[in-house]
Amino acid sequence: MNKYLKGYLIGKAIEITVAGTAVMVARHKGLIDAEMRPTFKEDAFAENQKRAKRKRLAR
């Protein structure tokens, strides 16, 4: 195997390992849920709905 190709593949393997570790840490800390969605979006969505409702009532 070409040494450059081997180095590229090793680099990709390390990159995937680091990304997987980052996801595991984020799940453990509760930053993302099991479906890989950030947990803060639900709160932000509810806040946007409340803000829009207030704007409509203010008109």
PDB file of N, CA and C in Angstrom:
ATOM      1  N   MET A   1       0.848  -1.176   0.000  1.00  0.00           N
ATOM      2  CA  MET A   1       0.000   0.000   0.000  1.00  0.00           C
ATOM      3  C   MET A   1       0.894   1.240   0.000  1.00  0.00           C
ATOM      4  N   ASN A   2       0.483   2.209  -0.760  1.00  0.00           N
ATOM      5  CA  ASN A   2       1.215   3.458  -0.858  1.00  0.00           C
ATOM      6  C   ASN A   2       1.256   4.140   0.519  1.00  0.00           C
ATOM      7  N   LYS A   3       2.415   4.677   0.881  1.00  0.00           N
ATOM      8  CA  LYS A   3       2.545   5.267   2.217  1.00  0.00           C
ATOM      9  C   LYS A   3       1.663   6.500   2.385  1.00  0.00           C
ATOM     10  N   TYR A   4       1.394   7.226   1.305  1.00  0.00           N
ATOM     11  CA  TYR A   4       0.528   8.395   1.402  1.00  0.00           C
ATOM     12  C   TYR A   4      -0.925   7.977   1.634  1.00  0.00           C
ATOM     13  N   LEU A   5      -1.336   6.932   0.940  1.00  0.00           N
ATOM     14  CA  LEU A   5      -2.686   6.411   1.129  1.00  0.00           C
ATOM     15  C   LEU A   5      -2.855   5.865   2.543  1.00  0.00           C
ATOM     16  N   LYS A   6      -1.839   5.178   3.013  1.00  0.00           N
ATOM     17  CA  LYS A   6      -1.888   4.632   4.369  1.00  0.00           C
ATOM     18  C   LYS A   6      -1.989   5.771   5.394  1.00  0.00           C
ATOM     19  N   GLY A   7      -1.227   6.816   5.214  1.00  0.00           N
ATOM     20  CA  GLY A   7      -1.290   7.968   6.112  1.00  0.00           C
ATOM     21  C   GLY A   7      -2.646   8.648   6.071  1.00  0.00           C
ATOM     22  N   TYR A   8      -3.214   8.744   4.868  1.00  0.00           N
ATOM     23  CA  TYR A   8      -4.540   9.340   4.725  1.00  0.00           C
ATOM     24  C   TYR A   8      -5.577   8.521   5.478  1.00  0.00           C
ATOM     25  N   LEU A   9      -5.537   7.212   5.324  1.00  0.00           N
ATOM     26  CA  LEU A   9      -6.512   6.344   5.985  1.00  0.00           C
ATOM     27  C   LEU A   9      -6.355   6.377   7.506  1.00  0.00           C
ATOM     28  N   ILE A  10      -5.125   6.424   7.971  1.00  0.00           N
ATOM     29  CA  ILE A  10      -4.897   6.523   9.418  1.00  0.00           C
ATOM     30  C   ILE A  10      -5.440   7.857   9.935  1.00  0.00           C
ATOM     31  N   GLY A  11      -5.215   8.922   9.191  1.00  0.00           N
ATOM     32  CA  GLY A  11      -5.737  10.235   9.578  1.00  0.00           C
ATOM     33  C   GLY A  11      -7.255  10.252   9.633  1.00  0.00           C
ATOM     34  N   LYS A  12      -7.896   9.623   8.648  1.00  0.00           N
ATOM     35  CA  LYS A  12      -9.359   9.548   8.644  1.00  0.00           C
ATOM     36  C   LYS A  12      -9.859   8.735   9.826  1.00  0.00           C
ATOM     37  N   ALA A  13      -9.184   7.648  10.152  1.00  0.00           N
ATOM     38  CA  ALA A  13      -9.590   6.820  11.290  1.00  0.00           C
ATOM     39  C   ALA A  13      -9.500   7.621  12.589  1.00  0.00           C
ATOM     40  N   ILE A  14      -8.451   8.401  12.732  1.00  0.00           N
ATOM     41  CA  ILE A  14      -8.295   9.239  13.929  1.00  0.00           C
ATOM     42  C   ILE A  14      -9.394  10.296  13.970  1.00  0.00           C
ATOM     43  N   GLU A  15      -9.688  10.895  12.821  1.00  0.00           N
ATOM     44  CA  GLU A  15     -10.725  11.925  12.750  1.00  0.00           C
ATOM     45  C   GLU A  15     -12.091  11.363  13.156  1.00  0.00           C
ATOM     46  N   ILE A  16     -12.427  10.179  12.678  1.00  0.00           N
ATOM     47  CA  ILE A  16     -13.701   9.542  13.024  1.00  0.00           C
ATOM     48  C   ILE A  16     -13.737   9.193  14.504  1.00  0.00           C
ATOM     49  N   THR A  17     -12.622   8.738  15.043  1.00  0.00           N
ATOM     50  CA  THR A  17     -12.561   8.402  16.468  1.00  0.00           C
ATOM     51  C   THR A  17     -12.780   9.639  17.331  1.00  0.00           C
ATOM     52  N   VAL A  18     -12.153  10.738  16.970  1.00  0.00           N
ATOM     53  CA  VAL A  18     -12.305  11.980  17.729  1.00  0.00           C
ATOM     54  C   VAL A  18     -13.751  12.477  17.651  1.00  0.00           C
ATOM     55  N   ALA A  19     -14.352  12.401  16.472  1.00  0.00           N
ATOM     56  CA  ALA A  19     -15.741  12.844  16.324  1.00  0.00           C
ATOM     57  C   ALA A  19     -16.676  11.965  17.149  1.00  0.00           C
ATOM     58  N   GLY A  20     -16.455  10.662  17.133  1.00  0.00           N
ATOM     59  CA  GLY A  20     -17.277   9.750  17.931  1.00  0.00           C
ATOM     60  C   GLY A  20     -17.142  10.013  19.411  1.00  0.00           C
ATOM     61  N   THR A  21     -15.933  10.291  19.849  1.00  0.00           N
ATOM     62  CA  THR A  21     -15.706  10.600  21.263  1.00  0.00           C
ATOM     63  C   THR A  21     -16.410  11.898  21.650  1.00  0.00           C
ATOM     64  N   ALA A  22     -16.356  12.887  20.772  1.00  0.00           N
ATOM     65  CA  ALA A  22     -17.028  14.159  21.054  1.00  0.00           C
ATOM     66  C   ALA A  22     -18.535  13.960  21.182  1.00  0.00           C
ATOM     67  N   VAL A  23     -19.117  13.120  20.338  1.00  0.00           N
ATOM     68  CA  VAL A  23     -20.554  12.845  20.411  1.00  0.00           C
ATOM     69  C   VAL A  23     -20.886  12.123  21.706  1.00  0.00           C
ATOM     70  N   MET A  24     -20.061  11.158  22.097  1.00  0.00           N
ATOM     71  CA  MET A  24     -20.310  10.425  23.340  1.00  0.00           C
ATOM     72  C   MET A  24     -20.258  11.365  24.543  1.00  0.00           C
ATOM     73  N   VAL A  25     -19.286  12.265  24.566  1.00  0.00           N
ATOM     74  CA  VAL A  25     -19.163  13.212  25.677  1.00  0.00           C
ATOM     75  C   VAL A  25     -20.370  14.150  25.700  1.00  0.00           C
ATOM     76  N   ALA A  26     -20.791  14.620  24.525  1.00  0.00           N
ATOM     77  CA  ALA A  26     -21.943  15.523  24.463  1.00  0.00           C
ATOM     78  C   ALA A  26     -23.214  14.823  24.941  1.00  0.00           C
ATOM     79  N   ARG A  27     -23.377  13.559  24.589  1.00  0.00           N
ATOM     80  CA  ARG A  27     -24.545  12.808  25.070  1.00  0.00           C
ATOM     81  C   ARG A  27     -24.481  12.635  26.575  1.00  0.00           C
ATOM     82  N   HIS A  28     -23.311  12.331  27.079  1.00  0.00           N
ATOM     83  CA  HIS A  28     -23.159  12.107  28.517  1.00  0.00           C
ATOM     84  C   HIS A  28     -23.458  13.376  29.313  1.00  0.00           C
ATOM     85  N   LYS A  29     -23.035  14.516  28.775  1.00  0.00           N
ATOM     86  CA  LYS A  29     -23.263  15.787  29.466  1.00  0.00           C
ATOM     87  C   LYS A  29     -24.668  16.321  29.234  1.00  0.00           C
ATOM     88  N   GLY A  30     -25.428  15.686  28.337  1.00  0.00           N
ATOM     89  CA  GLY A  30     -26.793  16.115  28.074  1.00  0.00           C
ATOM     90  C   GLY A  30     -26.900  17.262  27.093  1.00  0.00           C
ATOM     91  N   LEU A  31     -25.864  17.512  26.335  1.00  0.00           N
ATOM     92  CA  LEU A  31     -25.907  18.601  25.363  1.00  0.00           C
ATOM     93  C   LEU A  31     -26.727  18.236  24.130  1.00  0.00           C
ATOM     94  N   ILE A  32     -26.766  16.951  23.799  1.00  0.00           N
ATOM     95  CA  ILE A  32     -27.610  16.467  22.708  1.00  0.00           C
ATOM     96  C   ILE A  32     -28.377  15.259  23.210  1.00  0.00           C
ATOM     97  N   ASP A  33     -29.551  15.014  22.612  1.00  0.00           N
ATOM     98  CA  ASP A  33     -30.331  13.853  23.022  1.00  0.00           C
ATOM     99  C   ASP A  33     -29.996  12.665  22.121  1.00  0.00           C
ATOM    100  N   ALA A  34     -30.703  11.575  22.270  1.00  0.00           N
ATOM    101  CA  ALA A  34     -30.383  10.344  21.549  1.00  0.00           C
ATOM    102  C   ALA A  34     -30.558  10.493  20.040  1.00  0.00           C
ATOM    103  N   GLU A  35     -31.435  11.406  19.600  1.00  0.00           N
ATOM    104  CA  GLU A  35     -31.670  11.596  18.167  1.00  0.00           C
ATOM    105  C   GLU A  35     -30.725  12.628  17.560  1.00  0.00           C
ATOM    106  N   MET A  36     -29.682  12.985  18.297  1.00  0.00           N
ATOM    107  CA  MET A  36     -28.638  13.898  17.825  1.00  0.00           C
ATOM    108  C   MET A  36     -29.171  15.313  17.585  1.00  0.00           C
ATOM    109  N   ARG A  37     -30.196  15.720  18.331  1.00  0.00           N
ATOM    110  CA  ARG A  37     -30.687  17.084  18.232  1.00  0.00           C
ATOM    111  C   ARG A  37     -30.270  17.838  19.481  1.00  0.00           C
ATOM    112  N   PRO A  38     -29.830  19.077  19.335  1.00  0.00           N
ATOM    113  CA  PRO A  38     -29.504  19.858  20.532  1.00  0.00           C
ATOM    114  C   PRO A  38     -30.741  20.020  21.409  1.00  0.00           C
ATOM    115  N   THR A  39     -30.576  19.951  22.696  1.00  0.00           N
ATOM    116  CA  THR A  39     -31.713  19.993  23.606  1.00  0.00           C
ATOM    117  C   THR A  39     -32.295  21.394  23.751  1.00  0.00           C
ATOM    118  N   PHE A  40     -31.538  22.426  23.437  1.00  0.00           N
ATOM    119  CA  PHE A  40     -32.019  23.787  23.641  1.00  0.00           C
ATOM    120  C   PHE A  40     -33.026  24.213  22.585  1.00  0.00           C
ATOM    121  N   LYS A  41     -33.133  23.507  21.468  1.00  0.00           N
ATOM    122  CA  LYS A  41     -34.015  23.932  20.385  1.00  0.00           C
ATOM    123  C   LYS A  41     -35.480  23.918  20.803  1.00  0.00           C
ATOM    124  N   GLU A  42     -35.886  22.953  21.617  1.00  0.00           N
ATOM    125  CA  GLU A  42     -37.277  22.880  22.037  1.00  0.00           C
ATOM    126  C   GLU A  42     -37.643  24.121  22.847  1.00  0.00           C
ATOM    127  N   ASP A  43     -36.760  24.522  23.744  1.00  0.00           N
ATOM    128  CA  ASP A  43     -37.014  25.717  24.542  1.00  0.00           C
ATOM    129  C   ASP A  43     -37.044  26.964  23.663  1.00  0.00           C
ATOM    130  N   ALA A  44     -36.138  27.042  22.711  1.00  0.00           N
ATOM    131  CA  ALA A  44     -36.093  28.195  21.822  1.00  0.00           C
ATOM    132  C   ALA A  44     -37.351  28.249  20.962  1.00  0.00           C
ATOM    133  N   PHE A  45     -37.835  27.095  20.517  1.00  0.00           N
ATOM    134  CA  PHE A  45     -39.050  27.049  19.706  1.00  0.00           C
ATOM    135  C   PHE A  45     -40.247  27.554  20.510  1.00  0.00           C
ATOM    136  N   ALA A  46     -40.357  27.112  21.754  1.00  0.00           N
ATOM    137  CA  ALA A  46     -41.456  27.555  22.619  1.00  0.00           C
ATOM    138  C   ALA A  46     -41.364  29.059  22.876  1.00  0.00           C
ATOM    139  N   GLU A  47     -40.152  29.554  23.080  1.00  0.00           N
ATOM    140  CA  GLU A  47     -39.971  30.993  23.292  1.00  0.00           C
ATOM    141  C   GLU A  47     -40.380  31.784  22.055  1.00  0.00           C
ATOM    142  N   ASN A  48     -40.013  31.289  20.875  1.00  0.00           N
ATOM    143  CA  ASN A  48     -40.385  31.984  19.639  1.00  0.00           C
ATOM    144  C   ASN A  48     -41.894  32.008  19.466  1.00  0.00           C
ATOM    145  N   GLN A  49     -42.569  30.917  19.823  1.00  0.00           N
ATOM    146  CA  GLN A  49     -44.027  30.884  19.730  1.00  0.00           C
ATOM    147  C   GLN A  49     -44.653  31.898  20.685  1.00  0.00           C
ATOM    148  N   LYS A  50     -44.146  31.959  21.914  1.00  0.00           N
ATOM    149  CA  LYS A  50     -44.670  32.919  22.888  1.00  0.00           C
ATOM    150  C   LYS A  50     -44.461  34.354  22.405  1.00  0.00           C
ATOM    151  N   ARG A  51     -43.276  34.624  21.863  1.00  0.00           N
ATOM    152  CA  ARG A  51     -42.964  35.967  21.376  1.00  0.00           C
ATOM    153  C   ARG A  51     -43.884  36.343  20.216  1.00  0.00           C
ATOM    154  N   ALA A  52     -44.124  35.401  19.299  1.00  0.00           N
ATOM    155  CA  ALA A  52     -45.002  35.670  18.162  1.00  0.00           C
ATOM    156  C   ALA A  52     -46.436  35.909  18.632  1.00  0.00           C
ATOM    157  N   LYS A  53     -46.874  35.158  19.622  1.00  0.00           N
ATOM    158  CA  LYS A  53     -48.227  35.337  20.158  1.00  0.00           C
ATOM    159  C   LYS A  53     -48.375  36.724  20.786  1.00  0.00           C
ATOM    160  N   ARG A  54     -47.360  37.155  21.530  1.00  0.00           N
ATOM    161  CA  ARG A  54     -47.392  38.481  22.138  1.00  0.00           C
ATOM    162  C   ARG A  54     -47.440  39.579  21.073  1.00  0.00           C
ATOM    163  N   LYS A  55     -46.684  39.391  19.991  1.00  0.00           N
ATOM    164  CA  LYS A  55     -46.684  40.384  18.915  1.00  0.00           C
ATOM    165  C   LYS A  55     -48.061  40.482  18.266  1.00  0.00           C
ATOM    166  N   ARG A  56     -48.702  39.324  18.048  1.00  0.00           N
ATOM    167  CA  ARG A  56     -50.035  39.334  17.444  1.00  0.00           C
ATOM    168  C   ARG A  56     -51.043  40.024  18.359  1.00  0.00           C
ATOM    169  N   LEU A  57     -50.946  39.761  19.653  1.00  0.00           N
ATOM    170  CA  LEU A  57     -51.876  40.378  20.596  1.00  0.00           C
ATOM    171  C   LEU A  57     -51.645  41.882  20.727  1.00  0.00           C
ATOM    172  N   ALA A  58     -50.422  42.312  20.525  1.00  0.00           N
ATOM    173  CA  ALA A  58     -50.090  43.725  20.675  1.00  0.00           C
ATOM    174  C   ALA A  58     -50.610  44.560  19.509  1.00  0.00           C
ATOM    175  N   ARG A  59     -50.923  43.944  18.405  1.00  0.00           N
ATOM    176  CA  ARG A  59     -51.382  44.699  17.222  1.00  0.00           C
ATOM    177  C   ARG A  59     -52.786  45.182  17.388  1.00  0.00           C
TER     178      ARG A  59
END
